[in-house]
Amino acid sequence: MTASHWHCYRWTGERRTYDDESTRRPPHLVVHDVSPQEWRQIASASPAFMASEVPPLEVPHWLLRPARMIKATFGEPEKAAVWYQDQVTDLTPAFMTDHDKNPARQTERFAAAGDRLGWGGDVVGGWYLRGTGFASVQVVACSANRIRPAIPCPISP
């Protein structure tokens, strides 16, 4: 199963906000697949989860959130990989550690992202920033997501 498209998300904010898991999880812990209607009901039962732009604890749960949170959508994995690379490159000067800024490490990260998107997977990156910040860049496969195929897609490409 290969994704038909990818939705892209980027969040930058305070570490304290990111560490507060209450708005990062839907109201019920779902350990099995449920119907798309049930997913919508679960998501809508938590206004705080739906309103939060902080990355959810489980990557496919981005797809439960409003479509306005999507930063970009791509039908080709190569274009989604370029978006991811551009976002990370933009953030790199603010990364806290030299390890995360290392060009060889960046090259490996981007190659791995391209490979993962090529077979229909998701790509997730998170970095501590100078000061008290945190940044997250995520590319989420949709129609269907491998981890949660029953979650409905928030929009068509």
N, C-alpha and C. Protein backbone atom coordinates (compact mmCIF):
# COMPACT_ATOMS: atom_id res chain seq x y z
N MET A 1 0.84 -1.17 0.00
CA MET A 1 0.00 0.00 0.00
C MET A 1 0.89 1.24 0.00
N THR A 2 0.70 2.09 -0.97
CA THR A 2 1.44 3.34 -1.05
C THR A 2 0.47 4.50 -0.87
N ALA A 3 0.92 5.51 -0.16
CA ALA A 3 0.06 6.67 0.07
C ALA A 3 -0.24 7.36 -1.25
N SER A 4 -1.43 7.95 -1.34
CA SER A 4 -1.76 8.69 -2.56
C SER A 4 -1.30 10.14 -2.47
N HIS A 5 -1.09 10.62 -1.24
CA HIS A 5 -0.56 11.97 -1.06
C HIS A 5 -0.06 12.14 0.38
N TRP A 6 0.62 13.27 0.61
CA TRP A 6 1.19 13.55 1.93
C TRP A 6 0.78 14.95 2.35
N HIS A 7 0.42 15.07 3.62
CA HIS A 7 0.14 16.38 4.22
C HIS A 7 1.34 16.75 5.09
N CYS A 8 1.71 18.01 5.04
CA CYS A 8 2.91 18.49 5.72
C CYS A 8 2.54 19.46 6.85
N TYR A 9 3.25 19.31 7.96
CA TYR A 9 2.98 20.11 9.16
C TYR A 9 4.30 20.62 9.72
N ARG A 10 4.25 21.83 10.25
CA ARG A 10 5.43 22.39 10.92
C ARG A 10 4.94 23.16 12.14
N TRP A 11 5.62 22.93 13.24
CA TRP A 11 5.30 23.65 14.48
C TRP A 11 6.60 24.07 15.15
N THR A 12 6.63 25.31 15.62
CA THR A 12 7.74 25.82 16.41
C THR A 12 7.12 26.54 17.62
N GLY A 13 7.65 26.22 18.79
CA GLY A 13 7.11 26.85 19.99
C GLY A 13 7.96 26.54 21.20
N GLU A 14 7.40 26.79 22.36
CA GLU A 14 8.10 26.57 23.61
C GLU A 14 8.12 25.09 23.98
N ARG A 15 9.26 24.63 24.50
CA ARG A 15 9.37 23.24 24.95
C ARG A 15 8.30 22.89 25.97
N ARG A 16 8.00 23.80 26.88
CA ARG A 16 6.98 23.53 27.90
C ARG A 16 5.64 23.21 27.26
N THR A 17 5.31 23.92 26.20
CA THR A 17 4.06 23.66 25.49
C THR A 17 4.09 22.28 24.85
N TYR A 18 5.21 21.95 24.22
CA TYR A 18 5.36 20.64 23.58
C TYR A 18 5.31 19.52 24.61
N ASP A 19 5.89 19.74 25.78
CA ASP A 19 5.94 18.71 26.82
C ASP A 19 4.59 18.47 27.50
N ASP A 20 3.65 19.39 27.35
CA ASP A 20 2.32 19.22 27.94
C ASP A 20 1.50 18.31 27.02
N GLU A 21 1.37 17.06 27.42
CA GLU A 21 0.74 16.06 26.55
C GLU A 21 -0.79 16.15 26.52
N SER A 22 -1.40 16.95 27.37
CA SER A 22 -2.86 16.95 27.46
C SER A 22 -3.55 17.33 26.15
N THR A 23 -2.99 18.28 25.40
CA THR A 23 -3.62 18.68 24.14
C THR A 23 -3.01 17.95 22.95
N ARG A 24 -2.10 17.02 23.22
CA ARG A 24 -1.43 16.28 22.14
C ARG A 24 -2.03 14.90 21.90
N ARG A 25 -3.06 14.56 22.67
CA ARG A 25 -3.68 13.25 22.50
C ARG A 25 -5.19 13.39 22.36
N PRO A 26 -5.79 12.55 21.51
CA PRO A 26 -7.26 12.56 21.44
C PRO A 26 -7.83 12.12 22.79
N PRO A 27 -9.11 12.31 23.01
CA PRO A 27 -9.67 12.05 24.34
C PRO A 27 -9.68 10.58 24.74
N HIS A 28 -9.59 9.66 23.79
CA HIS A 28 -9.61 8.24 24.12
C HIS A 28 -8.36 7.58 23.55
N LEU A 29 -7.77 6.69 24.31
CA LEU A 29 -6.65 5.90 23.79
C LEU A 29 -7.25 4.81 22.91
N VAL A 30 -7.00 4.87 21.63
CA VAL A 30 -7.55 3.90 20.70
C VAL A 30 -6.44 2.94 20.30
N VAL A 31 -6.64 1.68 20.61
CA VAL A 31 -5.59 0.69 20.34
C VAL A 31 -5.95 -0.21 19.17
N HIS A 32 -7.08 0.04 18.55
CA HIS A 32 -7.47 -0.76 17.39
C HIS A 32 -8.06 0.19 16.36
N ASP A 33 -8.17 -0.27 15.14
CA ASP A 33 -8.76 0.58 14.11
C ASP A 33 -10.26 0.69 14.33
N VAL A 34 -10.77 1.86 14.08
CA VAL A 34 -12.20 2.12 14.18
C VAL A 34 -12.64 2.75 12.86
N SER A 35 -13.92 2.86 12.67
CA SER A 35 -14.43 3.41 11.42
C SER A 35 -14.08 4.90 11.31
N PRO A 36 -14.09 5.44 10.08
CA PRO A 36 -13.84 6.88 9.93
C PRO A 36 -14.81 7.74 10.75
N GLN A 37 -16.08 7.33 10.82
CA GLN A 37 -17.06 8.08 11.61
C GLN A 37 -16.67 8.09 13.09
N GLU A 38 -16.25 6.92 13.61
CA GLU A 38 -15.82 6.85 15.01
C GLU A 38 -14.60 7.72 15.25
N TRP A 39 -13.65 7.76 14.29
CA TRP A 39 -12.48 8.63 14.44
C TRP A 39 -12.91 10.08 14.56
N ARG A 40 -13.85 10.49 13.71
CA ARG A 40 -14.33 11.88 13.76
C ARG A 40 -14.97 12.18 15.12
N GLN A 41 -15.75 11.23 15.64
CA GLN A 41 -16.40 11.44 16.94
C GLN A 41 -15.36 11.53 18.06
N ILE A 42 -14.34 10.69 18.00
CA ILE A 42 -13.28 10.71 19.00
C ILE A 42 -12.57 12.07 18.98
N ALA A 43 -12.21 12.52 17.77
CA ALA A 43 -11.50 13.80 17.65
C ALA A 43 -12.36 14.96 18.12
N SER A 44 -13.63 14.98 17.72
CA SER A 44 -14.48 16.12 18.06
C SER A 44 -14.86 16.15 19.54
N ALA A 45 -14.67 15.05 20.25
CA ALA A 45 -14.96 15.02 21.68
C ALA A 45 -13.91 15.77 22.50
N SER A 46 -12.86 16.24 21.85
CA SER A 46 -11.80 16.95 22.55
C SER A 46 -11.50 18.27 21.83
N PRO A 47 -12.22 19.34 22.19
CA PRO A 47 -11.95 20.63 21.55
C PRO A 47 -10.50 21.09 21.72
N ALA A 48 -9.89 20.80 22.87
CA ALA A 48 -8.50 21.22 23.10
C ALA A 48 -7.57 20.51 22.13
N PHE A 49 -7.78 19.23 21.89
CA PHE A 49 -6.97 18.48 20.93
C PHE A 49 -7.15 19.05 19.53
N MET A 50 -8.38 19.31 19.15
CA MET A 50 -8.67 19.80 17.80
C MET A 50 -8.13 21.21 17.56
N ALA A 51 -8.09 22.03 18.60
CA ALA A 51 -7.63 23.41 18.44
C ALA A 51 -6.12 23.54 18.53
N SER A 52 -5.46 22.56 19.13
CA SER A 52 -4.02 22.65 19.35
C SER A 52 -3.25 22.46 18.05
N GLU A 53 -2.26 23.30 17.84
CA GLU A 53 -1.36 23.15 16.69
C GLU A 53 -0.08 22.44 17.07
N VAL A 54 0.03 22.04 18.35
CA VAL A 54 1.19 21.29 18.83
C VAL A 54 1.09 19.87 18.27
N PRO A 55 2.19 19.29 17.80
CA PRO A 55 2.12 17.96 17.20
C PRO A 55 1.47 16.93 18.14
N PRO A 56 0.57 16.12 17.59
CA PRO A 56 -0.03 15.07 18.42
C PRO A 56 1.00 14.01 18.78
N LEU A 57 0.69 13.22 19.80
CA LEU A 57 1.62 12.17 20.24
C LEU A 57 1.80 11.10 19.17
N GLU A 58 0.75 10.78 18.45
CA GLU A 58 0.83 9.77 17.39
C GLU A 58 0.72 10.50 16.06
N VAL A 59 1.70 10.32 15.19
CA VAL A 59 1.79 11.07 13.94
C VAL A 59 0.50 11.05 13.11
N PRO A 60 -0.15 9.91 12.88
CA PRO A 60 -1.36 9.93 12.06
C PRO A 60 -2.51 10.74 12.66
N HIS A 61 -2.42 11.06 13.94
CA HIS A 61 -3.48 11.86 14.55
C HIS A 61 -3.52 13.29 14.01
N TRP A 62 -2.47 13.71 13.29
CA TRP A 62 -2.55 15.00 12.59
C TRP A 62 -3.77 15.00 11.67
N LEU A 63 -4.06 13.84 11.07
CA LEU A 63 -5.14 13.75 10.09
C LEU A 63 -6.52 13.96 10.71
N LEU A 64 -6.62 13.89 12.03
CA LEU A 64 -7.88 14.17 12.72
C LEU A 64 -8.11 15.67 12.90
N ARG A 65 -7.04 16.41 12.85
CA ARG A 65 -7.12 17.85 13.11
C ARG A 65 -7.65 18.60 11.88
N PRO A 66 -8.09 19.85 12.09
CA PRO A 66 -8.64 20.62 10.96
C PRO A 66 -7.61 20.80 9.83
N ALA A 67 -8.12 20.80 8.61
CA ALA A 67 -7.27 20.92 7.42
C ALA A 67 -6.48 22.23 7.41
N ARG A 68 -6.95 23.26 8.10
CA ARG A 68 -6.23 24.55 8.11
C ARG A 68 -4.83 24.43 8.70
N MET A 69 -4.56 23.35 9.43
CA MET A 69 -3.24 23.16 10.03
C MET A 69 -2.22 22.60 9.05
N ILE A 70 -2.68 22.15 7.90
CA ILE A 70 -1.79 21.60 6.87
C ILE A 70 -1.02 22.74 6.23
N LYS A 71 0.31 22.61 6.18
CA LYS A 71 1.15 23.65 5.59
C LYS A 71 1.34 23.45 4.09
N ALA A 72 1.29 22.19 3.63
CA ALA A 72 1.44 21.86 2.21
C ALA A 72 0.93 20.45 2.00
N THR A 73 0.57 20.15 0.75
CA THR A 73 0.14 18.80 0.36
C THR A 73 0.80 18.46 -0.96
N PHE A 74 1.30 17.23 -1.06
CA PHE A 74 1.98 16.78 -2.27
C PHE A 74 1.51 15.39 -2.67
N GLY A 75 1.37 15.18 -3.96
CA GLY A 75 1.01 13.87 -4.49
C GLY A 75 2.21 13.03 -4.82
N GLU A 76 3.38 13.63 -4.92
CA GLU A 76 4.61 12.90 -5.25
C GLU A 76 5.54 12.88 -4.04
N PRO A 77 6.07 11.72 -3.70
CA PRO A 77 6.96 11.64 -2.54
C PRO A 77 8.19 12.52 -2.67
N GLU A 78 8.70 12.69 -3.89
CA GLU A 78 9.89 13.52 -4.09
C GLU A 78 9.63 14.98 -3.70
N LYS A 79 8.45 15.48 -4.05
CA LYS A 79 8.12 16.87 -3.71
C LYS A 79 7.92 17.03 -2.20
N ALA A 80 7.32 16.02 -1.58
CA ALA A 80 7.16 16.06 -0.12
C ALA A 80 8.53 16.04 0.56
N ALA A 81 9.46 15.26 0.01
CA ALA A 81 10.82 15.19 0.57
C ALA A 81 11.53 16.53 0.45
N VAL A 82 11.34 17.21 -0.67
CA VAL A 82 11.96 18.53 -0.86
C VAL A 82 11.38 19.52 0.15
N TRP A 83 10.07 19.48 0.37
CA TRP A 83 9.45 20.36 1.36
C TRP A 83 10.07 20.11 2.73
N TYR A 84 10.17 18.84 3.12
CA TYR A 84 10.76 18.49 4.42
C TYR A 84 12.19 19.03 4.52
N GLN A 85 12.98 18.81 3.49
CA GLN A 85 14.37 19.27 3.50
C GLN A 85 14.43 20.79 3.61
N ASP A 86 13.59 21.49 2.88
CA ASP A 86 13.57 22.95 2.94
C ASP A 86 13.23 23.46 4.34
N GLN A 87 12.26 22.82 4.98
CA GLN A 87 11.85 23.24 6.32
C GLN A 87 12.97 23.02 7.33
N VAL A 88 13.59 21.84 7.27
CA VAL A 88 14.67 21.52 8.21
C VAL A 88 15.87 22.44 7.96
N THR A 89 16.19 22.69 6.72
CA THR A 89 17.30 23.58 6.38
C THR A 89 17.04 24.98 6.92
N ASP A 90 15.80 25.43 6.82
CA ASP A 90 15.42 26.75 7.34
C ASP A 90 15.61 26.82 8.86
N LEU A 91 15.32 25.72 9.55
CA LEU A 91 15.42 25.69 11.01
C LEU A 91 16.83 25.43 11.53
N THR A 92 17.68 24.82 10.73
CA THR A 92 18.99 24.36 11.18
C THR A 92 19.81 25.40 11.94
N PRO A 93 19.90 26.65 11.52
CA PRO A 93 20.70 27.61 12.29
C PRO A 93 20.26 27.77 13.74
N ALA A 94 18.99 27.48 14.03
CA ALA A 94 18.49 27.63 15.40
C ALA A 94 18.61 26.36 16.23
N PHE A 95 19.06 25.24 15.63
CA PHE A 95 19.21 24.00 16.39
C PHE A 95 20.15 24.21 17.56
N MET A 96 19.84 23.58 18.68
CA MET A 96 20.63 23.75 19.89
C MET A 96 22.00 23.10 19.79
N THR A 97 22.06 21.91 19.18
CA THR A 97 23.32 21.16 19.22
C THR A 97 24.03 21.14 17.87
N ASP A 98 25.35 21.09 17.93
CA ASP A 98 26.15 20.95 16.71
C ASP A 98 25.89 19.60 16.05
N HIS A 99 25.57 18.60 16.86
CA HIS A 99 25.26 17.27 16.33
C HIS A 99 24.10 17.35 15.32
N ASP A 100 23.04 18.08 15.69
CA ASP A 100 21.89 18.21 14.79
C ASP A 100 22.19 19.08 13.58
N LYS A 101 23.15 20.00 13.72
CA LYS A 101 23.53 20.89 12.61
C LYS A 101 24.53 20.25 11.65
N ASN A 102 25.12 19.14 12.02
CA ASN A 102 26.18 18.50 11.24
C ASN A 102 25.71 18.20 9.81
N PRO A 103 26.43 18.71 8.79
CA PRO A 103 26.01 18.51 7.40
C PRO A 103 25.92 17.03 6.99
N ALA A 104 26.82 16.20 7.47
CA ALA A 104 26.76 14.78 7.13
C ALA A 104 25.50 14.15 7.72
N ARG A 105 25.19 14.53 8.93
CA ARG A 105 23.96 14.02 9.57
C ARG A 105 22.73 14.50 8.82
N GLN A 106 22.75 15.75 8.40
CA GLN A 106 21.63 16.29 7.62
C GLN A 106 21.43 15.50 6.33
N THR A 107 22.53 15.22 5.64
CA THR A 107 22.46 14.45 4.39
C THR A 107 21.83 13.08 4.63
N GLU A 108 22.24 12.41 5.70
CA GLU A 108 21.66 11.11 6.05
C GLU A 108 20.18 11.25 6.37
N ARG A 109 19.82 12.26 7.12
CA ARG A 109 18.42 12.50 7.49
C ARG A 109 17.56 12.69 6.24
N PHE A 110 18.04 13.50 5.29
CA PHE A 110 17.26 13.78 4.09
C PHE A 110 17.15 12.55 3.20
N ALA A 111 18.20 11.76 3.11
CA ALA A 111 18.14 10.52 2.32
C ALA A 111 17.14 9.55 2.93
N ALA A 112 17.17 9.41 4.25
CA ALA A 112 16.23 8.52 4.93
C ALA A 112 14.79 9.00 4.74
N ALA A 113 14.58 10.31 4.78
CA ALA A 113 13.23 10.86 4.58
C ALA A 113 12.74 10.54 3.17
N GLY A 114 13.58 10.73 2.19
CA GLY A 114 13.19 10.42 0.81
C GLY A 114 12.84 8.96 0.63
N ASP A 115 13.64 8.09 1.25
CA ASP A 115 13.39 6.66 1.16
C ASP A 115 12.04 6.31 1.81
N ARG A 116 11.83 6.82 3.00
CA ARG A 116 10.59 6.50 3.74
C ARG A 116 9.35 6.99 2.97
N LEU A 117 9.41 8.20 2.45
CA LEU A 117 8.28 8.72 1.69
C LEU A 117 8.06 7.91 0.41
N GLY A 118 9.16 7.41 -0.17
CA GLY A 118 9.08 6.61 -1.39
C GLY A 118 8.26 5.34 -1.24
N TRP A 119 8.26 4.77 -0.05
CA TRP A 119 7.44 3.57 0.15
C TRP A 119 6.14 3.85 0.89
N GLY A 120 5.78 5.14 1.03
CA GLY A 120 4.48 5.49 1.58
C GLY A 120 4.46 5.75 3.07
N GLY A 121 5.63 5.93 3.68
CA GLY A 121 5.70 6.17 5.12
C GLY A 121 5.57 7.63 5.48
N ASP A 122 5.62 7.87 6.79
CA ASP A 122 5.61 9.22 7.35
C ASP A 122 7.04 9.63 7.69
N VAL A 123 7.28 10.92 7.74
CA VAL A 123 8.58 11.44 8.16
C VAL A 123 8.35 12.42 9.30
N VAL A 124 9.11 12.23 10.36
CA VAL A 124 8.95 13.05 11.56
C VAL A 124 10.32 13.55 12.01
N GLY A 125 10.41 14.83 12.30
CA GLY A 125 11.63 15.38 12.86
C GLY A 125 11.30 16.35 13.97
N GLY A 126 12.09 16.31 15.03
CA GLY A 126 11.90 17.24 16.14
C GLY A 126 13.24 17.64 16.71
N TRP A 127 13.42 18.93 16.99
CA TRP A 127 14.71 19.43 17.45
C TRP A 127 14.53 20.48 18.53
N TYR A 128 15.41 20.41 19.53
CA TYR A 128 15.49 21.49 20.51
C TYR A 128 16.19 22.66 19.85
N LEU A 129 15.67 23.84 20.10
CA LEU A 129 16.23 25.06 19.53
C LEU A 129 16.94 25.84 20.62
N ARG A 130 17.83 26.75 20.19
CA ARG A 130 18.50 27.61 21.16
C ARG A 130 17.44 28.26 22.05
N GLY A 131 17.80 28.50 23.29
CA GLY A 131 16.83 29.07 24.22
C GLY A 131 15.91 27.98 24.74
N THR A 132 14.62 28.23 24.69
CA THR A 132 13.66 27.27 25.24
C THR A 132 12.70 26.74 24.18
N GLY A 133 13.12 26.79 22.93
CA GLY A 133 12.22 26.40 21.84
C GLY A 133 12.34 24.94 21.41
N PHE A 134 11.34 24.54 20.66
CA PHE A 134 11.31 23.21 20.06
C PHE A 134 10.66 23.36 18.69
N ALA A 135 11.14 22.60 17.71
CA ALA A 135 10.57 22.62 16.36
C ALA A 135 10.25 21.21 15.92
N SER A 136 9.16 21.07 15.22
CA SER A 136 8.73 19.78 14.68
C SER A 136 8.35 19.97 13.22
N VAL A 137 8.84 19.06 12.37
CA VAL A 137 8.48 19.04 10.96
C VAL A 137 8.01 17.62 10.67
N GLN A 138 6.78 17.49 10.15
CA GLN A 138 6.22 16.17 9.92
C GLN A 138 5.53 16.12 8.56
N VAL A 139 5.74 15.01 7.88
CA VAL A 139 5.08 14.74 6.60
C VAL A 139 4.30 13.45 6.82
N VAL A 140 2.98 13.53 6.66
CA VAL A 140 2.09 12.44 7.04
C VAL A 140 1.38 11.87 5.81
N ALA A 141 1.56 10.59 5.59
CA ALA A 141 0.90 9.91 4.46
C ALA A 141 -0.60 9.87 4.68
N CYS A 142 -1.33 10.04 3.58
CA CYS A 142 -2.79 10.04 3.67
C CYS A 142 -3.36 9.23 2.52
N SER A 143 -4.50 8.62 2.77
CA SER A 143 -5.25 7.81 1.79
C SER A 143 -4.48 6.57 1.35
N ALA A 144 -4.06 5.77 2.14
CA ALA A 144 -4.31 5.70 3.57
C ALA A 144 -2.98 5.70 4.32
N ASN A 145 -3.04 6.10 5.57
CA ASN A 145 -1.85 6.07 6.40
C ASN A 145 -1.59 4.63 6.82
N ARG A 146 -0.32 4.21 6.76
CA ARG A 146 0.02 2.81 7.08
C ARG A 146 -0.26 2.45 8.53
N ILE A 147 -0.07 3.38 9.44
CA ILE A 147 -0.25 3.09 10.86
C ILE A 147 -1.73 3.09 11.23
N ARG A 148 -2.47 4.07 10.74
CA ARG A 148 -3.89 4.21 11.05
C ARG A 148 -4.69 4.37 9.75
N PRO A 149 -4.86 3.29 8.98
CA PRO A 149 -5.54 3.41 7.69
C PRO A 149 -7.00 3.83 7.77
N ALA A 150 -7.63 3.67 8.92
CA ALA A 150 -9.04 4.04 9.04
C ALA A 150 -9.26 5.53 9.30
N ILE A 151 -8.21 6.26 9.65
CA ILE A 151 -8.39 7.70 9.88
C ILE A 151 -8.70 8.36 8.54
N PRO A 152 -9.78 9.10 8.48
CA PRO A 152 -10.14 9.74 7.21
C PRO A 152 -9.19 10.89 6.88
N CYS A 153 -9.00 11.12 5.62
CA CYS A 153 -8.14 12.21 5.19
C CYS A 153 -8.87 13.55 5.37
N PRO A 154 -8.19 14.57 5.91
CA PRO A 154 -8.86 15.85 6.14
C PRO A 154 -9.22 16.60 4.86
N ILE A 155 -8.46 16.39 3.78
CA ILE A 155 -8.76 17.02 2.48
C ILE A 155 -8.19 16.13 1.38
N SER A 156 -8.66 16.35 0.19
CA SER A 156 -8.09 15.67 -0.97
C SER A 156 -6.96 16.51 -1.51
N PRO A 157 -6.01 15.88 -2.19
CA PRO A 157 -4.89 16.67 -2.72
C PRO A 157 -5.31 17.60 -3.84
